[in-house]
N, C-alpha and C. Protein backbone atom coordinates (compact mmCIF):
# COMPACT_ATOMS: atom_id res chain seq x y z
N MET A 1 5.79 22.74 -6.93
CA MET A 1 6.14 21.35 -7.07
C MET A 1 7.75 20.84 -6.41
N LYS A 2 8.43 21.73 -6.29
CA LYS A 2 9.51 21.59 -5.52
C LYS A 2 9.30 21.25 -4.12
N LYS A 3 8.26 21.81 -3.55
CA LYS A 3 8.04 21.64 -2.24
C LYS A 3 7.93 20.47 -1.65
N ILE A 4 7.20 19.19 -2.93
CA ILE A 4 6.73 18.20 -2.53
C ILE A 4 7.63 16.90 -3.25
N ARG A 5 8.80 17.50 -3.47
CA ARG A 5 9.62 16.73 -4.74
C ARG A 5 9.39 15.54 -3.98
N ILE A 6 10.40 15.59 -2.49
CA ILE A 6 10.36 14.31 -1.76
C ILE A 6 9.58 13.54 -1.74
N GLU A 7 8.36 13.69 -1.16
CA GLU A 7 6.83 13.47 -1.02
C GLU A 7 6.65 12.66 -2.31
N LEU A 8 6.43 13.04 -3.68
CA LEU A 8 6.19 12.39 -4.95
C LEU A 8 6.96 11.46 -5.30
N LYS A 9 8.47 11.36 -4.70
CA LYS A 9 9.44 10.52 -4.86
C LYS A 9 9.27 9.15 -4.07
N TRP A 10 8.98 9.56 -2.67
CA TRP A 10 8.24 8.43 -2.09
C TRP A 10 7.26 7.84 -2.04
N GLY A 11 6.39 8.36 -2.75
CA GLY A 11 5.03 8.02 -2.84
C GLY A 11 5.10 6.98 -4.39
N VAL A 12 5.90 7.28 -5.21
CA VAL A 12 5.86 6.57 -6.31
C VAL A 12 6.86 5.33 -5.86
N LEU A 13 7.92 5.76 -4.82
CA LEU A 13 8.76 4.16 -4.67
C LEU A 13 7.87 3.28 -3.87
N PHE A 14 6.92 4.14 -3.22
CA PHE A 14 6.10 3.01 -2.19
C PHE A 14 4.96 2.21 -3.16
N VAL A 15 4.69 2.79 -4.18
CA VAL A 15 3.58 1.89 -5.20
C VAL A 15 4.49 1.10 -5.59
N VAL A 16 5.90 1.70 -6.27
CA VAL A 16 6.56 0.47 -6.81
C VAL A 16 6.99 -0.21 -6.15
N SER A 17 7.07 -0.44 -4.78
CA SER A 17 7.58 -1.54 -3.73
C SER A 17 6.47 -2.51 -3.41
N GLY A 18 5.24 -1.85 -3.71
CA GLY A 18 3.92 -2.70 -3.94
C GLY A 18 3.80 -3.67 -5.13
N LEU A 19 3.96 -3.01 -5.99
CA LEU A 19 3.97 -3.97 -7.43
C LEU A 19 5.05 -5.20 -7.01
N ILE A 20 6.52 -4.85 -6.47
CA ILE A 20 7.06 -5.78 -6.32
C ILE A 20 6.81 -7.00 -5.74
N TRP A 21 6.24 -6.54 -4.60
CA TRP A 21 5.83 -7.25 -3.37
C TRP A 21 4.56 -7.86 -4.16
N MET A 22 3.98 -7.72 -4.91
CA MET A 22 2.74 -8.31 -5.69
C MET A 22 3.63 -9.51 -6.38
N ILE A 23 4.64 -9.22 -7.13
CA ILE A 23 5.24 -10.22 -8.02
C ILE A 23 5.75 -11.46 -6.67
N PHE A 24 6.12 -11.02 -5.83
CA PHE A 24 6.58 -11.86 -5.13
C PHE A 24 5.83 -12.62 -4.28
N GLU A 25 4.54 -11.99 -4.03
CA GLU A 25 3.54 -12.89 -3.75
C GLU A 25 2.97 -13.75 -4.68
N LYS A 26 2.91 -13.37 -5.87
CA LYS A 26 2.67 -14.31 -7.01
C LYS A 26 3.83 -15.21 -7.02
N SER A 27 5.03 -15.19 -7.00
CA SER A 27 6.20 -16.04 -7.47
C SER A 27 6.15 -17.18 -6.10
N MET A 28 5.41 -16.94 -4.69
CA MET A 28 5.38 -17.70 -3.54
C MET A 28 3.89 -18.71 -3.64
N GLY A 29 2.92 -18.31 -4.85
CA GLY A 29 2.03 -19.07 -4.80
C GLY A 29 0.95 -18.74 -3.91
N TRP A 30 1.07 -17.85 -3.47
CA TRP A 30 0.15 -16.82 -3.11
C TRP A 30 -1.22 -16.23 -3.42
N HIS A 31 -1.32 -16.59 -4.71
CA HIS A 31 -2.52 -15.69 -5.56
C HIS A 31 -3.04 -17.07 -5.91
N ASP A 32 -2.28 -18.27 -6.10
CA ASP A 32 -2.87 -19.64 -6.63
C ASP A 32 -3.03 -21.03 -5.93
N VAL A 33 -1.73 -21.35 -5.92
CA VAL A 33 -1.79 -22.92 -4.98
C VAL A 33 -1.75 -22.33 -3.37
N HIS A 34 -1.32 -21.53 -2.91
CA HIS A 34 -1.17 -21.28 -1.61
C HIS A 34 -2.16 -20.05 -1.07
N ILE A 35 -3.53 -20.21 -1.91
CA ILE A 35 -4.55 -18.89 -1.66
C ILE A 35 -4.83 -18.74 -0.56
N ASP A 36 -4.88 -19.88 0.23
CA ASP A 36 -5.31 -20.16 1.66
C ASP A 36 -4.92 -19.30 2.54
N LYS A 37 -3.55 -18.96 2.18
CA LYS A 37 -2.50 -18.34 3.52
C LYS A 37 -2.21 -16.75 2.63
N HIS A 38 -3.10 -16.41 2.03
CA HIS A 38 -2.57 -14.99 0.95
C HIS A 38 -2.95 -14.20 1.92
N ALA A 39 -4.17 -14.33 2.92
CA ALA A 39 -4.40 -12.88 3.44
C ALA A 39 -3.60 -13.11 4.84
N THR A 40 -2.96 -13.80 5.51
CA THR A 40 -2.02 -14.07 6.54
C THR A 40 -0.89 -13.37 6.19
N TYR A 41 -0.18 -14.06 4.73
CA TYR A 41 1.21 -13.68 4.45
C TYR A 41 1.07 -12.09 3.88
N SER A 42 0.25 -11.76 3.39
CA SER A 42 0.11 -10.17 2.74
C SER A 42 0.67 -9.42 3.92
N MET A 43 0.37 -9.87 4.90
CA MET A 43 0.58 -8.82 6.42
C MET A 43 2.20 -8.54 6.61
N PHE A 44 2.84 -9.28 5.81
CA PHE A 44 4.49 -9.16 5.87
C PHE A 44 5.03 -7.81 5.12
N TYR A 45 3.82 -7.74 4.42
CA TYR A 45 4.28 -6.30 3.65
C TYR A 45 4.37 -4.94 4.40
N ALA A 46 3.70 -5.10 5.42
CA ALA A 46 3.27 -4.04 6.72
C ALA A 46 4.82 -3.22 7.12
N PRO A 47 5.75 -4.13 7.67
CA PRO A 47 6.92 -3.43 7.85
C PRO A 47 7.76 -2.69 7.11
N ILE A 48 7.61 -3.22 5.64
CA ILE A 48 8.26 -2.64 4.42
C ILE A 48 7.65 -1.36 4.45
N ALA A 49 6.47 -1.18 4.16
CA ALA A 49 5.60 0.05 4.36
C ALA A 49 5.99 0.78 5.08
N ILE A 50 5.79 0.80 6.65
CA ILE A 50 6.22 1.39 7.73
C ILE A 50 7.57 2.18 7.21
N ALA A 51 8.70 1.26 7.20
CA ALA A 51 10.13 1.74 6.68
C ALA A 51 10.03 2.62 5.34
N ILE A 52 9.20 2.55 4.26
CA ILE A 52 9.16 3.45 3.42
C ILE A 52 9.19 4.93 4.23
N TYR A 53 8.05 4.99 4.63
CA TYR A 53 7.30 6.25 5.36
C TYR A 53 8.48 6.84 6.37
N VAL A 54 9.01 5.61 7.30
CA VAL A 54 9.98 6.38 8.06
C VAL A 54 11.44 7.21 7.24
N LEU A 55 12.00 6.03 6.28
CA LEU A 55 12.59 6.97 5.30
C LEU A 55 12.36 8.05 4.82
N ALA A 56 11.24 7.93 4.39
CA ALA A 56 10.82 9.29 3.38
C ALA A 56 10.45 10.67 4.07
N LEU A 57 9.84 10.25 5.81
CA LEU A 57 9.86 11.46 6.48
C LEU A 57 11.48 11.71 7.06
N LEU A 58 12.23 10.62 7.12
CA LEU A 58 13.64 11.35 7.44
C LEU A 58 14.31 11.95 6.11
N ASP A 59 14.20 11.72 4.96
CA ASP A 59 14.49 12.39 4.11
C ASP A 59 14.18 13.74 3.74
N LYS A 60 12.66 14.09 4.14
CA LYS A 60 12.10 15.00 4.14
C LYS A 60 12.54 16.56 5.24
N LYS A 61 13.08 15.50 6.33
CA LYS A 61 13.45 16.16 7.50
C LYS A 61 15.12 16.65 7.28
N ARG A 62 15.74 15.74 6.81
CA ARG A 62 17.41 15.68 6.48
C ARG A 62 17.57 16.87 5.41
N ASN A 63 16.94 16.38 4.37
CA ASN A 63 16.81 17.32 3.01
C ASN A 63 16.20 18.87 2.20
N TYR A 64 15.11 18.72 3.16
CA TYR A 64 14.30 20.13 3.32
C TYR A 64 13.71 20.60 4.19
N TYR A 65 14.09 20.41 5.53
CA TYR A 65 13.91 21.25 7.00
C TYR A 65 15.35 20.94 7.51
N GLN A 66 16.23 21.19 7.10
CA GLN A 66 18.08 20.98 7.69
C GLN A 66 17.54 20.15 8.63
N GLU A 67 17.15 19.15 8.96
CA GLU A 67 17.10 18.55 10.43
C GLU A 67 16.03 19.07 11.31
N LYS A 68 15.42 20.09 11.44
CA LYS A 68 14.48 20.79 12.39
C LYS A 68 13.23 20.23 11.87
N MET A 69 12.63 19.06 11.87
CA MET A 69 11.22 18.87 11.23
C MET A 69 10.71 18.87 12.55
N ASN A 70 9.36 19.76 12.83
CA ASN A 70 8.26 19.32 14.15
C ASN A 70 7.14 18.31 13.53
N TYR A 71 6.54 18.18 14.38
CA TYR A 71 5.51 17.00 14.18
C TYR A 71 4.53 17.26 12.96
N LEU A 72 4.01 18.44 13.09
CA LEU A 72 2.98 18.82 11.82
C LEU A 72 3.58 18.92 10.66
N GLN A 73 4.95 19.31 10.47
CA GLN A 73 5.72 19.41 9.17
C GLN A 73 5.57 17.53 8.54
N GLY A 74 6.14 16.78 9.68
CA GLY A 74 6.64 15.42 9.20
C GLY A 74 4.81 14.78 8.72
N PHE A 75 3.83 15.21 9.61
CA PHE A 75 2.37 14.57 9.68
C PHE A 75 2.10 14.97 8.25
N ILE A 76 1.93 16.42 7.97
CA ILE A 76 1.50 16.97 6.53
C ILE A 76 2.68 16.08 5.08
N SER A 77 3.79 16.17 5.55
CA SER A 77 4.49 15.32 4.45
C SER A 77 4.09 13.94 4.56
N GLY A 78 3.71 13.29 5.26
CA GLY A 78 3.59 12.27 5.30
C GLY A 78 2.10 11.90 4.49
N LEU A 79 0.98 12.85 4.79
CA LEU A 79 -0.21 12.76 3.80
C LEU A 79 -0.22 13.28 2.60
N VAL A 80 0.95 14.27 1.92
CA VAL A 80 1.36 14.14 0.86
C VAL A 80 1.63 12.65 0.09
N ILE A 81 2.54 12.04 1.18
CA ILE A 81 2.98 11.00 0.20
C ILE A 81 1.87 10.02 0.19
N THR A 82 0.76 10.00 1.17
CA THR A 82 -0.29 9.09 1.27
C THR A 82 -1.27 9.36 -0.16
N LEU A 83 -1.22 10.94 -0.49
CA LEU A 83 -2.28 11.18 -1.36
C LEU A 83 -1.59 10.87 -2.83
N VAL A 84 -0.13 10.77 -2.85
CA VAL A 84 0.27 10.45 -4.10
C VAL A 84 0.08 8.73 -4.16
N VAL A 85 -0.02 7.92 -3.00
CA VAL A 85 -0.39 6.58 -3.23
C VAL A 85 -2.06 6.09 -3.41
N VAL A 86 -2.54 7.18 -2.94
CA VAL A 86 -4.03 7.01 -3.10
C VAL A 86 -4.67 7.27 -4.55
N ILE A 87 -3.93 8.14 -5.42
CA ILE A 87 -3.85 8.51 -6.63
C ILE A 87 -3.27 7.46 -7.60
N LEU A 88 -2.26 7.02 -7.25
CA LEU A 88 -1.93 6.04 -7.97
C LEU A 88 -2.64 4.50 -7.68
N SER A 89 -2.99 4.03 -6.63
CA SER A 89 -3.76 2.91 -5.95
C SER A 89 -4.12 2.28 -7.15
N PRO A 90 -5.30 3.24 -8.06
CA PRO A 90 -5.78 2.13 -8.85
C PRO A 90 -5.35 1.60 -9.87
N LEU A 91 -3.89 2.69 -10.46
CA LEU A 91 -3.34 2.12 -11.71
C LEU A 91 -2.30 0.81 -11.24
N SER A 92 -1.95 0.80 -9.76
CA SER A 92 -1.40 0.10 -9.16
C SER A 92 -2.10 -1.72 -9.51
N GLN A 93 -3.26 -1.42 -8.91
CA GLN A 93 -4.07 -2.59 -9.00
C GLN A 93 -4.49 -2.81 -10.22
N TYR A 94 -4.98 -2.08 -11.18
CA TYR A 94 -4.97 -2.80 -12.60
C TYR A 94 -3.70 -3.26 -13.35
N ILE A 95 -2.43 -3.12 -12.80
CA ILE A 95 -1.37 -3.58 -13.21
C ILE A 95 -1.28 -5.06 -12.65
N THR A 96 -1.37 -5.07 -11.46
CA THR A 96 -1.24 -6.43 -10.60
C THR A 96 -2.33 -7.46 -11.12
N SER A 97 -3.49 -6.37 -11.40
CA SER A 97 -4.65 -7.91 -11.99
C SER A 97 -4.76 -8.24 -13.01
N GLU A 98 -4.26 -7.07 -14.05
CA GLU A 98 -4.12 -7.50 -15.42
C GLU A 98 -2.71 -7.90 -15.62
N PHE A 99 -1.34 -7.89 -15.17
CA PHE A 99 -0.39 -8.24 -15.58
C PHE A 99 0.63 -9.03 -14.81
N ILE A 100 0.75 -8.91 -13.54
CA ILE A 100 1.42 -9.80 -12.58
C ILE A 100 0.31 -11.03 -12.18
N SER A 101 -1.00 -10.83 -11.80
CA SER A 101 -1.52 -11.85 -11.59
C SER A 101 -2.91 -12.17 -12.15
N PRO A 102 -3.50 -12.20 -13.23
CA PRO A 102 -4.69 -12.07 -14.05
C PRO A 102 -5.32 -13.01 -13.40
N ASP A 103 -5.02 -14.31 -12.91
CA ASP A 103 -5.57 -15.52 -12.30
C ASP A 103 -6.32 -15.15 -11.10
N TYR A 104 -5.79 -14.17 -10.34
CA TYR A 104 -5.98 -14.03 -9.01
C TYR A 104 -7.78 -13.82 -8.47
N PHE A 105 -8.38 -13.00 -9.17
CA PHE A 105 -9.87 -13.13 -8.61
C PHE A 105 -10.27 -14.39 -8.76
N SER A 106 -10.22 -15.29 -9.98
CA SER A 106 -11.27 -16.25 -10.46
C SER A 106 -10.32 -17.39 -8.85
N ASN A 107 -9.42 -17.24 -8.68
CA ASN A 107 -8.60 -18.15 -7.92
C ASN A 107 -9.18 -17.96 -6.58
N ALA A 108 -9.40 -16.51 -6.36
CA ALA A 108 -9.93 -16.26 -5.09
C ALA A 108 -11.20 -16.83 -5.11
N ILE A 109 -12.01 -16.36 -5.66
CA ILE A 109 -13.88 -16.52 -5.73
C ILE A 109 -13.98 -18.09 -5.57
N ALA A 110 -13.21 -19.13 -6.27
CA ALA A 110 -12.90 -20.62 -6.28
C ALA A 110 -12.50 -20.95 -4.95
N TYR A 111 -11.57 -20.57 -4.37
CA TYR A 111 -11.22 -20.62 -2.99
C TYR A 111 -12.36 -20.34 -1.82
N ALA A 112 -13.07 -18.97 -1.72
CA ALA A 112 -13.85 -18.65 -1.25
C ALA A 112 -15.01 -19.51 -1.07
N VAL A 113 -15.28 -19.76 -2.00
CA VAL A 113 -17.11 -20.92 -2.35
C VAL A 113 -16.42 -22.02 -1.86
N SER A 114 -15.12 -22.29 -2.23
CA SER A 114 -15.08 -23.98 -1.80
C SER A 114 -14.96 -24.11 -0.31
N SER A 115 -14.42 -23.31 0.30
CA SER A 115 -13.92 -23.06 1.68
C SER A 115 -15.04 -22.70 2.77
N GLY A 116 -16.20 -22.32 1.69
CA GLY A 116 -17.35 -22.10 2.31
C GLY A 116 -17.85 -20.82 3.33
N THR A 117 -16.86 -20.05 2.76
CA THR A 117 -16.63 -18.47 3.50
C THR A 117 -17.63 -17.53 2.68
N LEU A 118 -17.34 -17.86 1.18
CA LEU A 118 -18.64 -16.74 0.92
C LEU A 118 -19.57 -17.62 -0.13
N THR A 119 -20.50 -17.30 -0.86
CA THR A 119 -21.46 -18.06 -2.02
C THR A 119 -20.86 -17.14 -3.32
N GLN A 120 -20.94 -18.20 -4.02
CA GLN A 120 -20.57 -17.66 -5.48
C GLN A 120 -20.75 -16.15 -5.76
N GLU A 121 -22.04 -15.54 -5.43
CA GLU A 121 -22.39 -14.08 -6.10
C GLU A 121 -21.67 -13.24 -4.75
N ALA A 122 -21.60 -13.62 -3.75
CA ALA A 122 -20.84 -12.49 -2.80
C ALA A 122 -19.55 -12.75 -3.31
N ALA A 123 -18.72 -13.43 -3.39
CA ALA A 123 -17.37 -13.80 -4.21
C ALA A 123 -17.34 -13.26 -5.35
N GLU A 124 -18.00 -13.43 -6.28
CA GLU A 124 -17.99 -12.39 -7.10
C GLU A 124 -17.80 -11.16 -7.03
N SER A 125 -18.88 -10.84 -5.94
CA SER A 125 -18.85 -8.97 -6.09
C SER A 125 -17.51 -8.77 -5.07
N ASN A 126 -16.95 -9.17 -4.39
CA ASN A 126 -15.82 -9.15 -3.30
C ASN A 126 -14.27 -9.19 -4.38
N PHE A 127 -14.37 -10.33 -5.17
CA PHE A 127 -13.04 -10.27 -5.79
C PHE A 127 -13.59 -9.68 -7.03
N ASN A 128 -13.22 -8.70 -7.46
CA ASN A 128 -13.30 -8.16 -9.08
C ASN A 128 -12.00 -6.74 -9.08
N LEU A 129 -12.02 -6.81 -10.01
CA LEU A 129 -11.32 -5.26 -10.17
C LEU A 129 -11.52 -4.04 -9.69
N ASN A 130 -13.09 -3.71 -9.96
CA ASN A 130 -13.23 -2.70 -9.39
C ASN A 130 -13.54 -2.17 -7.95
N SER A 131 -13.81 -3.47 -6.98
CA SER A 131 -14.25 -3.77 -5.73
C SER A 131 -12.53 -3.55 -5.36
N TYR A 132 -11.69 -4.01 -5.32
CA TYR A 132 -10.30 -3.68 -5.47
C TYR A 132 -9.44 -2.72 -5.22
N MET A 133 -9.81 -2.00 -6.48
CA MET A 133 -9.59 0.00 -6.36
C MET A 133 -10.28 0.10 -5.81
N VAL A 134 -11.53 -0.10 -4.95
CA VAL A 134 -12.09 0.68 -4.17
C VAL A 134 -11.46 0.92 -2.95
N GLN A 135 -11.03 -0.35 -2.75
CA GLN A 135 -10.80 -1.23 -1.57
C GLN A 135 -8.94 -0.59 -1.37
N ALA A 136 -8.50 -0.61 -2.43
CA ALA A 136 -6.76 -0.06 -2.51
C ALA A 136 -7.00 1.33 -2.45
N VAL A 137 -7.91 2.36 -2.97
CA VAL A 137 -8.01 3.88 -2.75
C VAL A 137 -8.45 4.11 -0.83
N GLY A 138 -9.07 3.16 -0.52
CA GLY A 138 -9.68 3.41 1.17
C GLY A 138 -8.55 2.71 1.98
N GLY A 139 -7.97 1.56 1.83
CA GLY A 139 -7.09 1.13 2.58
C GLY A 139 -5.80 1.96 2.46
N ALA A 140 -5.24 2.60 1.58
CA ALA A 140 -4.10 3.77 1.37
C ALA A 140 -4.61 4.55 1.74
N ALA A 141 -5.82 5.42 1.74
CA ALA A 141 -6.26 6.49 2.48
C ALA A 141 -5.86 6.47 3.95
N PHE A 142 -6.81 5.40 4.38
CA PHE A 142 -6.82 5.07 6.13
C PHE A 142 -5.32 4.59 6.51
N MET A 143 -4.70 3.91 5.76
CA MET A 143 -3.25 3.08 6.69
C MET A 143 -2.40 4.44 6.39
N GLY A 144 -2.56 4.98 5.34
CA GLY A 144 -1.65 6.60 5.24
C GLY A 144 -1.54 7.49 6.14
N LEU A 145 -2.88 7.61 6.52
CA LEU A 145 -3.50 8.66 7.57
C LEU A 145 -2.68 7.97 9.08
N ILE A 146 -3.02 6.90 9.15
CA ILE A 146 -2.52 6.32 10.37
C ILE A 146 -1.15 6.52 10.70
N THR A 147 -0.50 5.75 9.55
CA THR A 147 1.01 6.00 9.07
C THR A 147 1.70 7.29 9.45
N SER A 148 1.17 8.03 8.80
CA SER A 148 1.77 9.38 8.55
C SER A 148 1.77 9.88 10.27
N ALA A 149 0.62 9.66 11.05
CA ALA A 149 0.27 10.51 12.17
C ALA A 149 1.42 9.62 13.03
N VAL A 150 1.81 8.33 13.23
CA VAL A 150 2.75 7.81 14.30
C VAL A 150 3.91 8.00 13.58
N VAL A 151 4.66 7.57 12.31
CA VAL A 151 5.80 8.00 12.25
C VAL A 151 6.17 9.65 12.32
N ALA A 152 5.57 10.61 12.22
CA ALA A 152 5.84 11.97 12.42
C ALA A 152 6.20 11.78 13.77
N ILE A 153 5.70 11.12 14.61
CA ILE A 153 6.07 11.49 16.01
C ILE A 153 7.84 10.93 16.34
N PHE A 154 8.02 9.87 15.77
CA PHE A 154 9.45 9.42 15.92
C PHE A 154 10.23 10.16 15.08
N THR A 155 10.17 10.65 13.75
CA THR A 155 10.96 11.49 13.03
C THR A 155 10.52 12.78 13.24
N ARG A 156 10.58 13.60 14.06
CA ARG A 156 10.00 14.90 14.57
C ARG A 156 11.71 15.23 15.13
N SER A 157 11.83 16.36 15.12
CA SER A 157 13.14 16.64 15.80
C SER A 157 12.86 17.21 17.21
N LYS A 158 13.36 16.57 17.96
CA LYS A 158 13.37 16.93 19.39
C LYS A 158 14.05 18.13 19.83
N SER A 159 13.08 19.05 20.76
CA SER A 159 13.46 20.12 21.24
C SER A 159 14.51 20.48 22.01
């Protein structure tokens, strides 16, 4: 457990930052009044997510590897953070859907149908807690893998 303490800390911080971002999105009206902008404006979280991985791997490099971390060590550290995020994703999605933005799914369904993007049935099948939990796990795994691979390049020690 001591070996992955830093990754656990940063994985939890990543999930907490995501929940704070959801509160921000909700307060900006991107879950209701301005739901048409939600998909575009949600992308603004990406630099924050990447910064968290950078800070996490720098923390690991500094405080575990004494400034001598190779690419594989950084990549594995990033994957452990990703695993923490993947495990916590369903809980995070539940908190978002039930407490932060309980009307999001009904708003998203109404917008998708009224804009002609989806039929009622397709929108209901896409915008629900189970679907979003699956998407959260898959998205966290995929993006965490890619982010870990890239960030490890920049945080590794130079020979």
